[in-house]
Amino acid sequence: MLSRTADHLFWMSRYTERAEKVHAMGLSIQHRGCAQHARGFLPCSIKEAAC
């Protein structure tokens, strides 16, 4: 029983780590989109949706 609990905790931490990386990547992409919006590089329809 203890080894199964340890296995579940290991995989839960791996999935949490992956989710954090995906979240950080999403924030980076959003930030990049907002920076391009501020510089006027994005078309109007994308500017409104980005920020």
PDB file of N, CA and C in Angstrom:
ATOM      1  N   MET A   1       0.832  -1.198   0.000  1.00  0.00           N
ATOM      2  CA  MET A   1       0.000   0.000   0.000  1.00  0.00           C
ATOM      3  C   MET A   1       0.872   1.256   0.000  1.00  0.00           C
ATOM      4  N   LEU A   2       1.947   1.237   0.765  1.00  0.00           N
ATOM      5  CA  LEU A   2       2.810   2.407   0.860  1.00  0.00           C
ATOM      6  C   LEU A   2       3.486   2.703  -0.481  1.00  0.00           C
ATOM      7  N   SER A   3       3.924   1.663  -1.197  1.00  0.00           N
ATOM      8  CA  SER A   3       4.580   1.888  -2.486  1.00  0.00           C
ATOM      9  C   SER A   3       3.602   2.454  -3.506  1.00  0.00           C
ATOM     10  N   ARG A   4       2.354   2.051  -3.433  1.00  0.00           N
ATOM     11  CA  ARG A   4       1.352   2.583  -4.351  1.00  0.00           C
ATOM     12  C   ARG A   4       1.104   4.061  -4.071  1.00  0.00           C
ATOM     13  N   THR A   5       1.075   4.433  -2.814  1.00  0.00           N
ATOM     14  CA  THR A   5       0.905   5.834  -2.443  1.00  0.00           C
ATOM     15  C   THR A   5       2.090   6.663  -2.918  1.00  0.00           C
ATOM     16  N   ALA A   6       3.285   6.143  -2.750  1.00  0.00           N
ATOM     17  CA  ALA A   6       4.484   6.845  -3.214  1.00  0.00           C
ATOM     18  C   ALA A   6       4.455   6.996  -4.726  1.00  0.00           C
ATOM     19  N   ASP A   7       4.013   5.974  -5.433  1.00  0.00           N
ATOM     20  CA  ASP A   7       3.913   6.040  -6.891  1.00  0.00           C
ATOM     21  C   ASP A   7       2.911   7.114  -7.309  1.00  0.00           C
ATOM     22  N   HIS A   8       1.772   7.163  -6.647  1.00  0.00           N
ATOM     23  CA  HIS A   8       0.765   8.181  -6.958  1.00  0.00           C
ATOM     24  C   HIS A   8       1.291   9.591  -6.686  1.00  0.00           C
ATOM     25  N   LEU A   9       2.008   9.764  -5.589  1.00  0.00           N
ATOM     26  CA  LEU A   9       2.581  11.071  -5.274  1.00  0.00           C
ATOM     27  C   LEU A   9       3.628  11.477  -6.298  1.00  0.00           C
ATOM     28  N   PHE A  10       4.439  10.523  -6.751  1.00  0.00           N
ATOM     29  CA  PHE A  10       5.442  10.816  -7.768  1.00  0.00           C
ATOM     30  C   PHE A  10       4.780  11.315  -9.042  1.00  0.00           C
ATOM     31  N   TRP A  11       3.781  10.576  -9.523  1.00  0.00           N
ATOM     32  CA  TRP A  11       3.142  10.973 -10.782  1.00  0.00           C
ATOM     33  C   TRP A  11       2.345  12.260 -10.633  1.00  0.00           C
ATOM     34  N   MET A  12       1.742  12.481  -9.477  1.00  0.00           N
ATOM     35  CA  MET A  12       1.022  13.728  -9.248  1.00  0.00           C
ATOM     36  C   MET A  12       1.986  14.915  -9.320  1.00  0.00           C
ATOM     37  N   SER A  13       3.182  14.752  -8.746  1.00  0.00           N
ATOM     38  CA  SER A  13       4.154  15.842  -8.799  1.00  0.00           C
ATOM     39  C   SER A  13       4.654  16.060 -10.225  1.00  0.00           C
ATOM     40  N   ARG A  14       4.819  14.988 -11.004  1.00  0.00           N
ATOM     41  CA  ARG A  14       5.236  15.132 -12.408  1.00  0.00           C
ATOM     42  C   ARG A  14       4.180  15.885 -13.215  1.00  0.00           C
ATOM     43  N   TYR A  15       2.907  15.514 -13.025  1.00  0.00           N
ATOM     44  CA  TYR A  15       1.844  16.194 -13.763  1.00  0.00           C
ATOM     45  C   TYR A  15       1.714  17.650 -13.336  1.00  0.00           C
ATOM     46  N   THR A  16       1.926  17.927 -12.058  1.00  0.00           N
ATOM     47  CA  THR A  16       1.888  19.301 -11.573  1.00  0.00           C
ATOM     48  C   THR A  16       3.014  20.113 -12.190  1.00  0.00           C
ATOM     49  N   GLU A  17       4.199  19.530 -12.266  1.00  0.00           N
ATOM     50  CA  GLU A  17       5.334  20.213 -12.872  1.00  0.00           C
ATOM     51  C   GLU A  17       5.060  20.518 -14.349  1.00  0.00           C
ATOM     52  N   ARG A  18       4.511  19.555 -15.055  1.00  0.00           N
ATOM     53  CA  ARG A  18       4.170  19.770 -16.466  1.00  0.00           C
ATOM     54  C   ARG A  18       3.130  20.870 -16.618  1.00  0.00           C
ATOM     55  N   ALA A  19       2.118  20.868 -15.771  1.00  0.00           N
ATOM     56  CA  ALA A  19       1.075  21.886 -15.841  1.00  0.00           C
ATOM     57  C   ALA A  19       1.650  23.276 -15.583  1.00  0.00           C
ATOM     58  N   GLU A  20       2.579  23.378 -14.642  1.00  0.00           N
ATOM     59  CA  GLU A  20       3.208  24.671 -14.365  1.00  0.00           C
ATOM     60  C   GLU A  20       3.999  25.167 -15.576  1.00  0.00           C
ATOM     61  N   LYS A  21       4.704  24.256 -16.254  1.00  0.00           N
ATOM     62  CA  LYS A  21       5.478  24.652 -17.439  1.00  0.00           C
ATOM     63  C   LYS A  21       4.563  25.102 -18.568  1.00  0.00           C
ATOM     64  N   VAL A  22       3.460  24.389 -18.767  1.00  0.00           N
ATOM     65  CA  VAL A  22       2.508  24.775 -19.812  1.00  0.00           C
ATOM     66  C   VAL A  22       1.889  26.125 -19.480  1.00  0.00           C
ATOM     67  N   HIS A  23       1.565  26.351 -18.220  1.00  0.00           N
ATOM     68  CA  HIS A  23       0.995  27.628 -17.790  1.00  0.00           C
ATOM     69  C   HIS A  23       1.994  28.762 -18.025  1.00  0.00           C
ATOM     70  N   ALA A  24       3.252  28.543 -17.670  1.00  0.00           N
ATOM     71  CA  ALA A  24       4.275  29.574 -17.879  1.00  0.00           C
ATOM     72  C   ALA A  24       4.457  29.858 -19.360  1.00  0.00           C
ATOM     73  N   MET A  25       4.397  28.826 -20.190  1.00  0.00           N
ATOM     74  CA  MET A  25       4.532  29.022 -21.629  1.00  0.00           C
ATOM     75  C   MET A  25       3.343  29.828 -22.158  1.00  0.00           C
ATOM     76  N   GLY A  26       2.149  29.547 -21.666  1.00  0.00           N
ATOM     77  CA  GLY A  26       0.971  30.299 -22.075  1.00  0.00           C
ATOM     78  C   GLY A  26       1.071  31.763 -21.686  1.00  0.00           C
ATOM     79  N   LEU A  27       1.567  32.025 -20.489  1.00  0.00           N
ATOM     80  CA  LEU A  27       1.744  33.413 -20.063  1.00  0.00           C
ATOM     81  C   LEU A  27       2.779  34.125 -20.923  1.00  0.00           C
ATOM     82  N   SER A  28       3.830  33.402 -21.291  1.00  0.00           N
ATOM     83  CA  SER A  28       4.865  33.985 -22.145  1.00  0.00           C
ATOM     84  C   SER A  28       4.302  34.349 -23.509  1.00  0.00           C
ATOM     85  N   ILE A  29       3.506  33.460 -24.075  1.00  0.00           N
ATOM     86  CA  ILE A  29       2.889  33.725 -25.380  1.00  0.00           C
ATOM     87  C   ILE A  29       1.930  34.899 -25.283  1.00  0.00           C
ATOM     88  N   GLN A  30       1.145  34.949 -24.220  1.00  0.00           N
ATOM     89  CA  GLN A  30       0.205  36.059 -24.043  1.00  0.00           C
ATOM     90  C   GLN A  30       0.964  37.374 -23.885  1.00  0.00           C
ATOM     91  N   HIS A  31       2.044  37.359 -23.102  1.00  0.00           N
ATOM     92  CA  HIS A  31       2.837  38.565 -22.891  1.00  0.00           C
ATOM     93  C   HIS A  31       3.444  39.037 -24.207  1.00  0.00           C
ATOM     94  N   ARG A  32       3.936  38.093 -25.008  1.00  0.00           N
ATOM     95  CA  ARG A  32       4.522  38.432 -26.300  1.00  0.00           C
ATOM     96  C   ARG A  32       3.461  39.047 -27.220  1.00  0.00           C
ATOM     97  N   GLY A  33       2.244  38.506 -27.180  1.00  0.00           N
ATOM     98  CA  GLY A  33       1.151  39.046 -27.988  1.00  0.00           C
ATOM     99  C   GLY A  33       0.789  40.458 -27.565  1.00  0.00           C
ATOM    100  N   CYS A  34       0.772  40.710 -26.266  1.00  0.00           N
ATOM    101  CA  CYS A  34       0.457  42.049 -25.769  1.00  0.00           C
ATOM    102  C   CYS A  34       1.564  43.039 -26.136  1.00  0.00           C
ATOM    103  N   ALA A  35       2.818  42.577 -26.125  1.00  0.00           N
ATOM    104  CA  ALA A  35       3.930  43.456 -26.498  1.00  0.00           C
ATOM    105  C   ALA A  35       3.846  43.811 -27.978  1.00  0.00           C
ATOM    106  N   GLN A  36       3.487  42.853 -28.811  1.00  0.00           N
ATOM    107  CA  GLN A  36       3.333  43.134 -30.235  1.00  0.00           C
ATOM    108  C   GLN A  36       2.141  44.047 -30.471  1.00  0.00           C
ATOM    109  N   HIS A  37       1.094  43.873 -29.686  1.00  0.00           N
ATOM    110  CA  HIS A  37      -0.073  44.743 -29.786  1.00  0.00           C
ATOM    111  C   HIS A  37       0.313  46.189 -29.461  1.00  0.00           C
ATOM    112  N   ALA A  38       1.117  46.365 -28.435  1.00  0.00           N
ATOM    113  CA  ALA A  38       1.537  47.712 -28.026  1.00  0.00           C
ATOM    114  C   ALA A  38       2.402  48.369 -29.100  1.00  0.00           C
ATOM    115  N   ARG A  39       3.153  47.566 -29.829  1.00  0.00           N
ATOM    116  CA  ARG A  39       4.015  48.109 -30.886  1.00  0.00           C
ATOM    117  C   ARG A  39       3.280  48.276 -32.211  1.00  0.00           C
ATOM    118  N   GLY A  40       2.055  47.786 -32.300  1.00  0.00           N
ATOM    119  CA  GLY A  40       1.286  47.922 -33.522  1.00  0.00           C
ATOM    120  C   GLY A  40       1.574  46.869 -34.560  1.00  0.00           C
ATOM    121  N   PHE A  41       2.146  45.727 -34.162  1.00  0.00           N
ATOM    122  CA  PHE A  41       2.488  44.687 -35.124  1.00  0.00           C
ATOM    123  C   PHE A  41       1.336  43.741 -35.428  1.00  0.00           C
ATOM    124  N   LEU A  42       0.319  43.698 -34.579  1.00  0.00           N
ATOM    125  CA  LEU A  42      -0.775  42.761 -34.803  1.00  0.00           C
ATOM    126  C   LEU A  42      -1.934  43.444 -35.514  1.00  0.00           C
ATOM    127  N   PRO A  43      -2.657  42.715 -36.369  1.00  0.00           N
ATOM    128  CA  PRO A  43      -3.853  43.275 -37.011  1.00  0.00           C
ATOM    129  C   PRO A  43      -4.914  43.617 -35.968  1.00  0.00           C
ATOM    130  N   CYS A  44      -5.852  44.448 -36.327  1.00  0.00           N
ATOM    131  CA  CYS A  44      -6.860  44.935 -35.380  1.00  0.00           C
ATOM    132  C   CYS A  44      -7.653  43.809 -34.724  1.00  0.00           C
ATOM    133  N   SER A  45      -8.075  42.800 -35.485  1.00  0.00           N
ATOM    134  CA  SER A  45      -8.894  41.758 -34.901  1.00  0.00           C
ATOM    135  C   SER A  45      -8.126  40.967 -33.842  1.00  0.00           C
ATOM    136  N   ILE A  46      -6.853  40.773 -34.025  1.00  0.00           N
ATOM    137  CA  ILE A  46      -6.047  40.047 -33.045  1.00  0.00           C
ATOM    138  C   ILE A  46      -5.688  40.949 -31.867  1.00  0.00           C
ATOM    139  N   LYS A  47      -5.526  42.230 -32.105  1.00  0.00           N
ATOM    140  CA  LYS A  47      -5.191  43.163 -31.011  1.00  0.00           C
ATOM    141  C   LYS A  47      -6.260  43.112 -29.927  1.00  0.00           C
ATOM    142  N   GLU A  48      -7.524  43.131 -30.323  1.00  0.00           N
ATOM    143  CA  GLU A  48      -8.603  43.151 -29.341  1.00  0.00           C
ATOM    144  C   GLU A  48      -8.672  41.855 -28.561  1.00  0.00           C
ATOM    145  N   ALA A  49      -8.368  40.720 -29.185  1.00  0.00           N
ATOM    146  CA  ALA A  49      -8.459  39.431 -28.515  1.00  0.00           C
ATOM    147  C   ALA A  49      -7.231  39.158 -27.642  1.00  0.00           C
ATOM    148  N   ALA A  50      -6.074  39.753 -27.955  1.00  0.00           N
ATOM    149  CA  ALA A  50      -4.847  39.433 -27.245  1.00  0.00           C
ATOM    150  C   ALA A  50      -4.804  40.018 -25.841  1.00  0.00           C
ATOM    151  N   CYS A  51      -5.321  41.199 -25.637  1.00  0.00           N
ATOM    152  CA  CYS A  51      -5.176  41.841 -24.326  1.00  0.00           C
ATOM    153  C   CYS A  51      -6.510  42.236 -23.735  1.00  0.00           C
TER     154      CYS A  51
END
